Amino acid sequence: MCAARTHPLSSKERVSWLRLIRTEGVGPVTFRELLARFGSADGALDALPEIARRGRRVRPLRIPSAAAAERELAQIERFGARYLGLVEPDYPLALAAIDDAPPLLMLAGNEHLLTRPCIALVGARNASLNGRKLADSLSRELAQEGFLVVSGMARGIDTAAHIGALEAATAAVLAGGLDVIYPPENEALHEDLRSRGLLIGELPLGTEPQARHFPRRNRIISGLSLGVVVIEAAMRSGSLITARFANEQGREVMAVPGSPLDPRARGCNDLLRQGATLVESGEDVVRAIAQQSRPLGEPDFGDFDDTAPWIPSETEV
């Protein structure tokens, strides 16, 4: 079994961790299983070719070289960011507790903000004026109450939430590389977050956001947070994916009600019908979080199940 939150990674360990998570077919869940089975990233890397052979894999397994991992780490350092490992003491405890937490979390900006309890605030990209005003005021109030407001820097509600909380504490989880500005009109906000807030991600610098990256981002937004507030969301929106992750992770799900005549309110109203907490102010959010009875535990690496051997594939994200 691999101990949780034990020590800062050495330079050599960080290279090995990066090689392992960048290996073809290795995602966050498999990463934990391999560490549990082999005790270290180096042990897992040494064993992977034989595991692939036993799994009758046809193509050679693509494992990044140490030199490639060192180049990526040097690029990150030049950008002014760093990778924080899952077992390191500064890794956010709430995020570390979810099963698919990023083994390496990339941070750029004011890392001390992660010592605050986090609240996620998400919603529609095509938000109404009233929705944006509410996101601004609610996030401002929560940040002043000592929370770190987390969102995804998307258009609409996300942008308004970051702007409202920027003076106190806000963090953006990005779906691509931390150096990729998306949407393009948020260039100034991106710079503000880097200098006054915090940018968070898990993908290499230069990675352009793609559709498959957004659910990955959303599980980090909810995983960091004690609760998720949804302001305006259509029935098939990404915000509802974040709310679903929050529910699965044991977080508080909160929603702002809206007019049944507005399609942007249907997702929130449906969350409320399913048992989400109705909130209309920062005070409502603080009260809902204070009533939580589900503690967030330490990450559990567990023991590897040898009855279900891992075969490298391209299916895990």
C-alpha atoms as a PDB file:
ATOM      1  CA  MET A   1       0.000   0.000   0.000  1.00  0.00           C
ATOM      2  CA  CYS A   2       1.203   3.509  -0.785  1.00  0.00           C
ATOM      3  CA  ALA A   3       1.006   5.981   2.105  1.00  0.00           C
ATOM      4  CA  ALA A   4      -1.019   9.141   1.581  1.00  0.00           C
ATOM      5  CA  ARG A   5       0.338  12.680   1.892  1.00  0.00           C
ATOM      6  CA  THR A   6       3.727  11.496   3.074  1.00  0.00           C
ATOM      7  CA  HIS A   7       6.458  13.731   1.723  1.00  0.00           C
ATOM      8  CA  PRO A   8       7.449  16.209  -0.978  1.00  0.00           C
ATOM      9  CA  LEU A   9       8.444  14.439  -4.170  1.00  0.00           C
ATOM     10  CA  SER A  10      12.122  14.490  -5.010  1.00  0.00           C
ATOM     11  CA  SER A  11      13.166  15.740  -8.441  1.00  0.00           C
ATOM     12  CA  LYS A  12      13.686  12.148  -9.576  1.00  0.00           C
ATOM     13  CA  GLU A  13      10.300  11.046  -8.241  1.00  0.00           C
ATOM     14  CA  ARG A  14       8.577  13.962  -9.954  1.00  0.00           C
ATOM     15  CA  VAL A  15      10.090  12.938 -13.289  1.00  0.00           C
ATOM     16  CA  SER A  16       8.953   9.348 -12.752  1.00  0.00           C
ATOM     17  CA  TRP A  17       5.436  10.411 -11.739  1.00  0.00           C
ATOM     18  CA  LEU A  18       5.168  12.572 -14.845  1.00  0.00           C
ATOM     19  CA  ARG A  19       6.383   9.740 -17.084  1.00  0.00           C
ATOM     20  CA  LEU A  20       3.815   7.379 -15.558  1.00  0.00           C
ATOM     21  CA  ILE A  21       0.797   9.680 -15.864  1.00  0.00           C
ATOM     22  CA  ARG A  22       1.827  10.552 -19.434  1.00  0.00           C
ATOM     23  CA  THR A  23       2.075   6.865 -20.378  1.00  0.00           C
ATOM     24  CA  GLU A  24      -0.454   5.710 -22.950  1.00  0.00           C
ATOM     25  CA  GLY A  25      -3.608   4.400 -21.285  1.00  0.00           C
ATOM     26  CA  VAL A  26      -2.655   5.472 -17.752  1.00  0.00           C
ATOM     27  CA  GLY A  27      -5.195   7.790 -16.161  1.00  0.00           C
ATOM     28  CA  PRO A  28      -5.602   8.903 -12.543  1.00  0.00           C
ATOM     29  CA  VAL A  29      -7.363   5.721 -11.361  1.00  0.00           C
ATOM     30  CA  THR A  30      -4.877   3.368 -13.013  1.00  0.00           C
ATOM     31  CA  PHE A  31      -2.025   5.513 -11.687  1.00  0.00           C
ATOM     32  CA  ARG A  32      -3.178   4.828  -8.120  1.00  0.00           C
ATOM     33  CA  GLU A  33      -3.610   1.122  -8.824  1.00  0.00           C
ATOM     34  CA  LEU A  34      -0.096   0.883 -10.239  1.00  0.00           C
ATOM     35  CA  LEU A  35       1.412   2.714  -7.262  1.00  0.00           C
ATOM     36  CA  ALA A  36      -0.484   0.448  -4.890  1.00  0.00           C
ATOM     37  CA  ARG A  37       0.774  -2.645  -6.699  1.00  0.00           C
ATOM     38  CA  PHE A  38       4.407  -1.678  -7.297  1.00  0.00           C
ATOM     39  CA  GLY A  39       5.072   0.808  -4.488  1.00  0.00           C
ATOM     40  CA  SER A  40       6.547   3.559  -6.664  1.00  0.00           C
ATOM     41  CA  ALA A  41       6.293   5.132 -10.087  1.00  0.00           C
ATOM     42  CA  ASP A  42       9.701   3.689 -10.996  1.00  0.00           C
ATOM     43  CA  GLY A  43       8.505   0.208 -10.090  1.00  0.00           C
ATOM     44  CA  ALA A  44       5.383   0.656 -12.185  1.00  0.00           C
ATOM     45  CA  LEU A  45       7.364   1.954 -15.175  1.00  0.00           C
ATOM     46  CA  ASP A  46       9.708  -1.033 -15.019  1.00  0.00           C
ATOM     47  CA  ALA A  47       6.752  -3.446 -14.918  1.00  0.00           C
ATOM     48  CA  LEU A  48       4.600  -1.894 -17.651  1.00  0.00           C
ATOM     49  CA  PRO A  49       6.208  -3.570 -20.696  1.00  0.00           C
ATOM     50  CA  GLU A  50       5.751  -7.019 -19.160  1.00  0.00           C
ATOM     51  CA  ILE A  51       2.158  -6.222 -18.150  1.00  0.00           C
ATOM     52  CA  ALA A  52       1.458  -5.109 -21.721  1.00  0.00           C
ATOM     53  CA  ARG A  53       3.050  -8.283 -23.092  1.00  0.00           C
ATOM     54  CA  ARG A  54       0.939 -10.502 -20.823  1.00  0.00           C
ATOM     55  CA  GLY A  55      -2.104  -8.558 -21.914  1.00  0.00           C
ATOM     56  CA  ARG A  56      -1.286  -9.529 -25.532  1.00  0.00           C
ATOM     57  CA  ARG A  57      -0.977  -5.943 -26.581  1.00  0.00           C
ATOM     58  CA  VAL A  58      -0.019  -5.706 -30.259  1.00  0.00           C
ATOM     59  CA  ARG A  59       1.553  -2.247 -30.463  1.00  0.00           C
ATOM     60  CA  PRO A  60       4.467  -1.254 -28.210  1.00  0.00           C
ATOM     61  CA  LEU A  61       3.401   0.737 -25.164  1.00  0.00           C
ATOM     62  CA  ARG A  62       4.298   4.424 -25.437  1.00  0.00           C
ATOM     63  CA  ILE A  63       6.146   5.482 -22.276  1.00  0.00           C
ATOM     64  CA  PRO A  64       7.720   8.964 -22.271  1.00  0.00           C
ATOM     65  CA  SER A  65      11.450   9.095 -21.697  1.00  0.00           C
ATOM     66  CA  ALA A  66      12.985  10.734 -18.654  1.00  0.00           C
ATOM     67  CA  ALA A  67      14.389  13.412 -20.954  1.00  0.00           C
ATOM     68  CA  ALA A  68      10.912  14.223 -22.291  1.00  0.00           C
ATOM     69  CA  ALA A  69       9.525  14.513 -18.757  1.00  0.00           C
ATOM     70  CA  GLU A  70      12.439  16.748 -17.729  1.00  0.00           C
ATOM     71  CA  ARG A  71      11.774  19.014 -20.728  1.00  0.00           C
ATOM     72  CA  GLU A  72       8.117  19.349 -19.744  1.00  0.00           C
ATOM     73  CA  LEU A  73       9.044  20.181 -16.150  1.00  0.00           C
ATOM     74  CA  ALA A  74      11.564  22.792 -17.347  1.00  0.00           C
ATOM     75  CA  GLN A  75       8.912  24.348 -19.593  1.00  0.00           C
ATOM     76  CA  ILE A  76       6.500  24.533 -16.677  1.00  0.00           C
ATOM     77  CA  GLU A  77       9.148  26.188 -14.500  1.00  0.00           C
ATOM     78  CA  ARG A  78       9.841  28.803 -17.188  1.00  0.00           C
ATOM     79  CA  PHE A  79       6.127  29.566 -17.312  1.00  0.00           C
ATOM     80  CA  GLY A  80       6.142  30.180 -13.557  1.00  0.00           C
ATOM     81  CA  ALA A  81       4.112  27.116 -12.617  1.00  0.00           C
ATOM     82  CA  ARG A  82       4.796  23.807 -10.919  1.00  0.00           C
ATOM     83  CA  TYR A  83       3.365  20.308 -10.515  1.00  0.00           C
ATOM     84  CA  LEU A  84       2.132  19.323  -7.054  1.00  0.00           C
ATOM     85  CA  GLY A  85       2.042  15.576  -6.382  1.00  0.00           C
ATOM     86  CA  LEU A  86      -0.912  13.776  -4.846  1.00  0.00           C
ATOM     87  CA  VAL A  87       1.119  12.540  -1.855  1.00  0.00           C
ATOM     88  CA  GLU A  88       2.648  15.941  -1.066  1.00  0.00           C
ATOM     89  CA  PRO A  89       1.484  17.774   2.077  1.00  0.00           C
ATOM     90  CA  ASP A  90       0.302  20.872   0.177  1.00  0.00           C
ATOM     91  CA  TYR A  91      -1.969  18.942  -2.178  1.00  0.00           C
ATOM     92  CA  PRO A  92      -5.587  20.054  -1.502  1.00  0.00           C
ATOM     93  CA  LEU A  93      -7.103  17.545   0.914  1.00  0.00           C
ATOM     94  CA  ALA A  94     -10.613  17.692  -0.556  1.00  0.00           C
ATOM     95  CA  LEU A  95      -9.345  16.966  -4.072  1.00  0.00           C
ATOM     96  CA  ALA A  96      -6.988  14.235  -2.871  1.00  0.00           C
ATOM     97  CA  ALA A  97      -9.985  12.400  -1.383  1.00  0.00           C
ATOM     98  CA  ILE A  98     -11.664  11.691  -4.751  1.00  0.00           C
ATOM     99  CA  ASP A  99     -10.876   8.470  -6.594  1.00  0.00           C
ATOM    100  CA  ASP A 100      -9.681  10.128  -9.793  1.00  0.00           C
ATOM    101  CA  ALA A 101      -7.727  13.064  -8.368  1.00  0.00           C
ATOM    102  CA  PRO A 102      -4.934  14.229 -10.689  1.00  0.00           C
ATOM    103  CA  PRO A 103      -1.668  12.585  -9.600  1.00  0.00           C
ATOM    104  CA  LEU A 104       0.065  15.820 -10.595  1.00  0.00           C
ATOM    105  CA  LEU A 105      -1.789  19.121 -10.250  1.00  0.00           C
ATOM    106  CA  MET A 106      -0.346  22.119 -12.127  1.00  0.00           C
ATOM    107  CA  LEU A 107      -0.502  25.460 -10.306  1.00  0.00           C
ATOM    108  CA  ALA A 108       0.365  28.997 -11.398  1.00  0.00           C
ATOM    109  CA  GLY A 109      -0.241  32.004  -9.188  1.00  0.00           C
ATOM    110  CA  ASN A 110      -0.962  32.393  -5.496  1.00  0.00           C
ATOM    111  CA  GLU A 111      -0.839  28.842  -4.181  1.00  0.00           C
ATOM    112  CA  HIS A 112      -1.537  29.941  -0.601  1.00  0.00           C
ATOM    113  CA  LEU A 113      -5.167  30.481  -1.659  1.00  0.00           C
ATOM    114  CA  LEU A 114      -5.621  26.690  -1.599  1.00  0.00           C
ATOM    115  CA  THR A 115      -5.443  26.795   2.201  1.00  0.00           C
ATOM    116  CA  ARG A 116      -8.938  28.346   2.114  1.00  0.00           C
ATOM    117  CA  PRO A 117     -12.067  26.194   1.987  1.00  0.00           C
ATOM    118  CA  CYS A 118     -13.355  26.168  -1.595  1.00  0.00           C
ATOM    119  CA  ILE A 119     -16.790  26.812  -3.051  1.00  0.00           C
ATOM    120  CA  ALA A 120     -17.419  26.202  -6.762  1.00  0.00           C
ATOM    121  CA  LEU A 121     -19.688  28.553  -8.652  1.00  0.00           C
ATOM    122  CA  VAL A 122     -20.649  27.563 -12.202  1.00  0.00           C
ATOM    123  CA  GLY A 123     -23.381  28.224 -14.730  1.00  0.00           C
ATOM    124  CA  ALA A 124     -24.476  29.089 -18.224  1.00  0.00           C
ATOM    125  CA  ARG A 125     -22.126  30.528 -20.826  1.00  0.00           C
ATOM    126  CA  ASN A 126     -25.019  32.487 -22.361  1.00  0.00           C
ATOM    127  CA  ALA A 127     -25.992  33.842 -18.950  1.00  0.00           C
ATOM    128  CA  SER A 128     -28.554  36.569 -18.464  1.00  0.00           C
ATOM    129  CA  LEU A 129     -27.576  39.979 -17.134  1.00  0.00           C
ATOM    130  CA  ASN A 130     -29.267  39.178 -13.814  1.00  0.00           C
ATOM    131  CA  GLY A 131     -27.469  35.837 -13.636  1.00  0.00           C
ATOM    132  CA  ARG A 132     -24.087  37.502 -14.141  1.00  0.00           C
ATOM    133  CA  LYS A 133     -24.901  40.151 -11.529  1.00  0.00           C
ATOM    134  CA  LEU A 134     -25.863  37.471  -9.024  1.00  0.00           C
ATOM    135  CA  ALA A 135     -22.709  35.465  -9.751  1.00  0.00           C
ATOM    136  CA  ASP A 136     -20.597  38.583  -9.220  1.00  0.00           C
ATOM    137  CA  SER A 137     -22.226  39.563  -5.925  1.00  0.00           C
ATOM    138  CA  LEU A 138     -22.466  36.015  -4.553  1.00  0.00           C
ATOM    139  CA  SER A 139     -18.821  35.205  -5.319  1.00  0.00           C
ATOM    140  CA  ARG A 140     -17.699  38.524  -3.866  1.00  0.00           C
ATOM    141  CA  GLU A 141     -19.593  37.792  -0.657  1.00  0.00           C
ATOM    142  CA  LEU A 142     -18.213  34.242  -0.382  1.00  0.00           C
ATOM    143  CA  ALA A 143     -14.626  35.365  -0.992  1.00  0.00           C
ATOM    144  CA  GLN A 144     -14.966  38.047   1.684  1.00  0.00           C
ATOM    145  CA  GLU A 145     -16.255  35.349   4.065  1.00  0.00           C
ATOM    146  CA  GLY A 146     -12.965  33.473   3.650  1.00  0.00           C
ATOM    147  CA  PHE A 147     -13.763  31.011   0.845  1.00  0.00           C
ATOM    148  CA  LEU A 148     -11.801  30.423  -2.340  1.00  0.00           C
ATOM    149  CA  VAL A 149     -14.261  30.746  -5.222  1.00  0.00           C
ATOM    150  CA  VAL A 150     -13.487  28.109  -7.859  1.00  0.00           C
ATOM    151  CA  SER A 151     -14.819  28.123 -11.413  1.00  0.00           C
ATOM    152  CA  GLY A 152     -13.783  27.239 -14.966  1.00  0.00           C
ATOM    153  CA  MET A 153     -13.143  30.642 -16.632  1.00  0.00           C
ATOM    154  CA  ALA A 154     -15.847  29.999 -19.226  1.00  0.00           C
ATOM    155  CA  ARG A 155     -17.986  32.776 -20.641  1.00  0.00           C
ATOM    156  CA  GLY A 156     -20.976  33.971 -18.649  1.00  0.00           C
ATOM    157  CA  ILE A 157     -21.407  32.827 -15.043  1.00  0.00           C
ATOM    158  CA  ASP A 158     -17.839  31.534 -14.619  1.00  0.00           C
ATOM    159  CA  THR A 159     -16.310  34.818 -15.762  1.00  0.00           C
ATOM    160  CA  ALA A 160     -18.623  36.861 -13.536  1.00  0.00           C
ATOM    161  CA  ALA A 161     -17.762  34.666 -10.539  1.00  0.00           C
ATOM    162  CA  HIS A 162     -14.020  35.145 -11.050  1.00  0.00           C
ATOM    163  CA  ILE A 163     -14.392  38.904 -11.461  1.00  0.00           C
ATOM    164  CA  GLY A 164     -16.508  39.201  -8.317  1.00  0.00           C
ATOM    165  CA  ALA A 165     -14.057  37.248  -6.162  1.00  0.00           C
ATOM    166  CA  LEU A 166     -10.824  38.529  -7.699  1.00  0.00           C
ATOM    167  CA  GLU A 167     -10.132  41.120  -5.013  1.00  0.00           C
ATOM    168  CA  ALA A 168     -10.187  38.425  -2.323  1.00  0.00           C
ATOM    169  CA  ALA A 169      -9.711  34.867  -3.581  1.00  0.00           C
ATOM    170  CA  THR A 170     -10.558  32.986  -6.763  1.00  0.00           C
ATOM    171  CA  ALA A 171      -9.093  30.101  -8.758  1.00  0.00           C
ATOM    172  CA  ALA A 172      -9.774  28.938 -12.313  1.00  0.00           C
ATOM    173  CA  VAL A 173      -9.486  25.301 -13.330  1.00  0.00           C
ATOM    174  CA  LEU A 174      -8.618  25.201 -17.026  1.00  0.00           C
ATOM    175  CA  ALA A 175      -9.575  22.539 -19.563  1.00  0.00           C
ATOM    176  CA  GLY A 176      -6.322  22.961 -21.529  1.00  0.00           C
ATOM    177  CA  GLY A 177      -2.786  24.064 -20.782  1.00  0.00           C
ATOM    178  CA  LEU A 178      -2.419  26.885 -18.274  1.00  0.00           C
ATOM    179  CA  ASP A 179      -0.826  29.012 -20.988  1.00  0.00           C
ATOM    180  CA  VAL A 180      -3.773  28.621 -23.378  1.00  0.00           C
ATOM    181  CA  ILE A 181      -6.306  31.447 -23.045  1.00  0.00           C
ATOM    182  CA  TYR A 182      -9.833  30.188 -23.561  1.00  0.00           C
ATOM    183  CA  PRO A 183     -12.128  31.835 -24.390  1.00  0.00           C
ATOM    184  CA  PRO A 184      -9.861  34.382 -26.150  1.00  0.00           C
ATOM    185  CA  GLU A 185     -11.783  37.388 -24.819  1.00  0.00           C
ATOM    186  CA  ASN A 186     -10.716  36.437 -21.288  1.00  0.00           C
ATOM    187  CA  GLU A 187      -7.074  37.320 -21.922  1.00  0.00           C
ATOM    188  CA  ALA A 188      -7.067  40.097 -19.287  1.00  0.00           C
ATOM    189  CA  LEU A 189      -8.895  37.878 -16.784  1.00  0.00           C
ATOM    190  CA  HIS A 190      -6.381  35.082 -17.413  1.00  0.00           C
ATOM    191  CA  GLU A 191      -3.518  37.449 -16.547  1.00  0.00           C
ATOM    192  CA  ASP A 192      -5.379  38.747 -13.481  1.00  0.00           C
ATOM    193  CA  LEU A 193      -5.932  35.212 -12.244  1.00  0.00           C
ATOM    194  CA  ARG A 194      -2.288  34.344 -12.756  1.00  0.00           C
ATOM    195  CA  SER A 195      -1.066  37.424 -10.854  1.00  0.00           C
ATOM    196  CA  ARG A 196      -3.792  37.898  -8.213  1.00  0.00           C
ATOM    197  CA  GLY A 197      -5.608  34.564  -8.116  1.00  0.00           C
ATOM    198  CA  LEU A 198      -4.661  31.027  -9.104  1.00  0.00           C
ATOM    199  CA  LEU A 199      -4.664  28.937 -12.297  1.00  0.00           C
ATOM    200  CA  ILE A 200      -5.086  25.167 -11.921  1.00  0.00           C
ATOM    201  CA  GLY A 201      -4.867  22.321 -14.432  1.00  0.00           C
ATOM    202  CA  GLU A 202      -3.444  18.897 -15.183  1.00  0.00           C
ATOM    203  CA  LEU A 203      -2.658  18.924 -18.914  1.00  0.00           C
ATOM    204  CA  PRO A 204       0.663  19.900 -20.544  1.00  0.00           C
ATOM    205  CA  LEU A 205       1.299  23.509 -21.484  1.00  0.00           C
ATOM    206  CA  GLY A 206       0.148  24.268 -25.001  1.00  0.00           C
ATOM    207  CA  THR A 207      -2.794  21.832 -24.860  1.00  0.00           C
ATOM    208  CA  GLU A 208      -5.792  23.304 -26.669  1.00  0.00           C
ATOM    209  CA  PRO A 209      -9.119  22.652 -24.895  1.00  0.00           C
ATOM    210  CA  GLN A 210     -11.174  19.905 -26.541  1.00  0.00           C
ATOM    211  CA  ALA A 211     -14.662  18.622 -25.744  1.00  0.00           C
ATOM    212  CA  ARG A 212     -13.312  15.597 -23.853  1.00  0.00           C
ATOM    213  CA  HIS A 213     -11.212  17.822 -21.588  1.00  0.00           C
ATOM    214  CA  PHE A 214     -14.126  19.702 -20.033  1.00  0.00           C
ATOM    215  CA  PRO A 215     -15.574  16.842 -17.956  1.00  0.00           C
ATOM    216  CA  ARG A 216     -12.041  16.202 -16.656  1.00  0.00           C
ATOM    217  CA  ARG A 217     -11.832  19.859 -15.649  1.00  0.00           C
ATOM    218  CA  ASN A 218     -15.281  19.734 -14.045  1.00  0.00           C
ATOM    219  CA  ARG A 219     -14.407  16.852 -11.726  1.00  0.00           C
ATOM    220  CA  ILE A 220     -11.479  18.945 -10.420  1.00  0.00           C
ATOM    221  CA  ILE A 221     -13.733  21.979  -9.856  1.00  0.00           C
ATOM    222  CA  SER A 222     -16.142  19.933  -7.753  1.00  0.00           C
ATOM    223  CA  GLY A 223     -13.381  17.857  -6.156  1.00  0.00           C
ATOM    224  CA  LEU A 224     -11.642  20.928  -4.784  1.00  0.00           C
ATOM    225  CA  SER A 225     -14.839  22.259  -3.271  1.00  0.00           C
ATOM    226  CA  LEU A 226     -17.021  21.680  -0.243  1.00  0.00           C
ATOM    227  CA  GLY A 227     -19.997  22.474  -2.414  1.00  0.00           C
ATOM    228  CA  VAL A 228     -21.053  23.524  -5.912  1.00  0.00           C
ATOM    229  CA  VAL A 229     -23.451  26.400  -6.640  1.00  0.00           C
ATOM    230  CA  VAL A 230     -25.168  26.395 -10.045  1.00  0.00           C
ATOM    231  CA  ILE A 231     -26.557  29.679 -11.399  1.00  0.00           C
ATOM    232  CA  GLU A 232     -28.459  29.200 -14.674  1.00  0.00           C
ATOM    233  CA  ALA A 233     -27.990  25.940 -16.532  1.00  0.00           C
ATOM    234  CA  ALA A 234     -29.800  24.381 -19.451  1.00  0.00           C
ATOM    235  CA  MET A 235     -30.863  20.762 -19.129  1.00  0.00           C
ATOM    236  CA  ARG A 236     -27.842  19.386 -21.032  1.00  0.00           C
ATOM    237  CA  SER A 237     -25.192  21.813 -19.825  1.00  0.00           C
ATOM    238  CA  GLY A 238     -21.679  21.189 -18.557  1.00  0.00           C
ATOM    239  CA  SER A 239     -22.656  22.798 -15.261  1.00  0.00           C
ATOM    240  CA  LEU A 240     -24.940  19.843 -14.561  1.00  0.00           C
ATOM    241  CA  ILE A 241     -21.990  17.526 -15.175  1.00  0.00           C
ATOM    242  CA  THR A 242     -20.126  19.430 -12.452  1.00  0.00           C
ATOM    243  CA  ALA A 243     -23.150  19.074 -10.170  1.00  0.00           C
ATOM    244  CA  ARG A 244     -23.275  15.329 -10.869  1.00  0.00           C
ATOM    245  CA  PHE A 245     -19.596  14.971 -10.001  1.00  0.00           C
ATOM    246  CA  ALA A 246     -20.214  16.943  -6.803  1.00  0.00           C
ATOM    247  CA  ASN A 247     -23.025  14.607  -5.813  1.00  0.00           C
ATOM    248  CA  GLU A 248     -20.898  11.528  -6.531  1.00  0.00           C
ATOM    249  CA  GLN A 249     -18.014  13.009  -4.527  1.00  0.00           C
ATOM    250  CA  GLY A 250     -20.239  13.701  -1.519  1.00  0.00           C
ATOM    251  CA  ARG A 251     -20.214  17.478  -1.914  1.00  0.00           C
ATOM    252  CA  GLU A 252     -23.099  19.849  -1.280  1.00  0.00           C
ATOM    253  CA  VAL A 253     -25.062  20.645  -4.447  1.00  0.00           C
ATOM    254  CA  MET A 254     -26.783  24.048  -4.454  1.00  0.00           C
ATOM    255  CA  ALA A 255     -28.820  25.818  -7.103  1.00  0.00           C
ATOM    256  CA  VAL A 256     -30.420  29.208  -7.679  1.00  0.00           C
ATOM    257  CA  PRO A 257     -34.054  28.872  -8.809  1.00  0.00           C
ATOM    258  CA  GLY A 258     -35.282  30.590 -11.940  1.00  0.00           C
ATOM    259  CA  SER A 259     -38.310  31.184 -14.111  1.00  0.00           C
ATOM    260  CA  PRO A 260     -39.721  28.042 -15.763  1.00  0.00           C
ATOM    261  CA  LEU A 261     -40.075  30.158 -18.900  1.00  0.00           C
ATOM    262  CA  ASP A 262     -36.296  30.576 -19.177  1.00  0.00           C
ATOM    263  CA  PRO A 263     -34.452  27.536 -20.642  1.00  0.00           C
ATOM    264  CA  ARG A 264     -31.374  28.626 -18.682  1.00  0.00           C
ATOM    265  CA  ALA A 265     -33.273  27.957 -15.434  1.00  0.00           C
ATOM    266  CA  ARG A 266     -34.477  24.451 -16.219  1.00  0.00           C
ATOM    267  CA  GLY A 267     -31.284  22.731 -15.149  1.00  0.00           C
ATOM    268  CA  CYS A 268     -31.207  24.518 -11.797  1.00  0.00           C
ATOM    269  CA  ASN A 269     -34.895  23.897 -11.164  1.00  0.00           C
ATOM    270  CA  ASP A 270     -34.387  20.222 -11.964  1.00  0.00           C
ATOM    271  CA  LEU A 271     -31.485  20.049  -9.488  1.00  0.00           C
ATOM    272  CA  LEU A 272     -33.794  21.495  -6.849  1.00  0.00           C
ATOM    273  CA  ARG A 273     -36.436  18.847  -7.614  1.00  0.00           C
ATOM    274  CA  GLN A 274     -33.735  16.214  -7.116  1.00  0.00           C
ATOM    275  CA  GLY A 275     -32.853  17.553  -3.666  1.00  0.00           C
ATOM    276  CA  ALA A 276     -30.265  20.280  -4.248  1.00  0.00           C
ATOM    277  CA  THR A 277     -30.220  23.065  -1.676  1.00  0.00           C
ATOM    278  CA  LEU A 278     -31.948  26.259  -2.771  1.00  0.00           C
ATOM    279  CA  VAL A 279     -29.670  29.278  -2.375  1.00  0.00           C
ATOM    280  CA  GLU A 280     -30.136  32.939  -3.218  1.00  0.00           C
ATOM    281  CA  SER A 281     -27.285  34.580  -1.305  1.00  0.00           C
ATOM    282  CA  GLY A 282     -23.843  33.981   0.101  1.00  0.00           C
ATOM    283  CA  GLU A 283     -25.417  33.579   3.528  1.00  0.00           C
ATOM    284  CA  ASP A 284     -27.505  30.669   2.207  1.00  0.00           C
ATOM    285  CA  VAL A 285     -24.368  28.993   0.840  1.00  0.00           C
ATOM    286  CA  VAL A 286     -22.428  29.412   4.086  1.00  0.00           C
ATOM    287  CA  ARG A 287     -25.357  27.981   6.053  1.00  0.00           C
ATOM    288  CA  ALA A 288     -25.618  24.969   3.751  1.00  0.00           C
ATOM    289  CA  ILE A 289     -21.894  24.233   4.023  1.00  0.00           C
ATOM    290  CA  ALA A 290     -21.961  24.627   7.812  1.00  0.00           C
ATOM    291  CA  GLN A 291     -24.622  21.911   8.026  1.00  0.00           C
ATOM    292  CA  GLN A 292     -22.508  19.364   6.154  1.00  0.00           C
ATOM    293  CA  SER A 293     -21.952  16.190   8.133  1.00  0.00           C
ATOM    294  CA  ARG A 294     -19.798  14.336   5.591  1.00  0.00           C
ATOM    295  CA  PRO A 295     -16.084  14.732   6.415  1.00  0.00           C
ATOM    296  CA  LEU A 296     -13.608  14.698   3.557  1.00  0.00           C
ATOM    297  CA  GLY A 297     -11.058  12.009   4.270  1.00  0.00           C
ATOM    298  CA  GLU A 298      -7.494  11.332   3.251  1.00  0.00           C
ATOM    299  CA  PRO A 299      -6.894   9.811  -0.182  1.00  0.00           C
ATOM    300  CA  ASP A 300      -7.009   6.028  -0.152  1.00  0.00           C
ATOM    301  CA  PHE A 301      -4.635   4.294  -2.539  1.00  0.00           C
ATOM    302  CA  GLY A 302      -5.910   0.911  -1.450  1.00  0.00           C
ATOM    303  CA  ASP A 303      -4.514  -2.444  -2.485  1.00  0.00           C
ATOM    304  CA  PHE A 304      -4.259  -3.489  -6.098  1.00  0.00           C
ATOM    305  CA  ASP A 305      -6.728  -6.192  -7.126  1.00  0.00           C
ATOM    306  CA  ASP A 306      -4.714  -8.893  -8.868  1.00  0.00           C
ATOM    307  CA  THR A 307      -7.907 -10.616 -10.020  1.00  0.00           C
ATOM    308  CA  ALA A 308      -8.521  -7.741 -12.469  1.00  0.00           C
ATOM    309  CA  PRO A 309      -5.109  -7.076 -14.095  1.00  0.00           C
ATOM    310  CA  TRP A 310      -4.644  -3.801 -15.904  1.00  0.00           C
ATOM    311  CA  ILE A 311      -4.072  -3.955 -19.642  1.00  0.00           C
ATOM    312  CA  PRO A 312      -2.758  -0.716 -21.155  1.00  0.00           C
ATOM    313  CA  SER A 313      -5.301   0.872 -23.464  1.00  0.00           C
ATOM    314  CA  GLU A 314      -6.351   4.279 -24.701  1.00  0.00           C
ATOM    315  CA  THR A 315      -9.710   4.299 -22.951  1.00  0.00           C
ATOM    316  CA  GLU A 316      -8.932   5.915 -19.614  1.00  0.00           C
ATOM    317  CA  VAL A 317      -8.735   9.707 -19.403  1.00  0.00           C
END
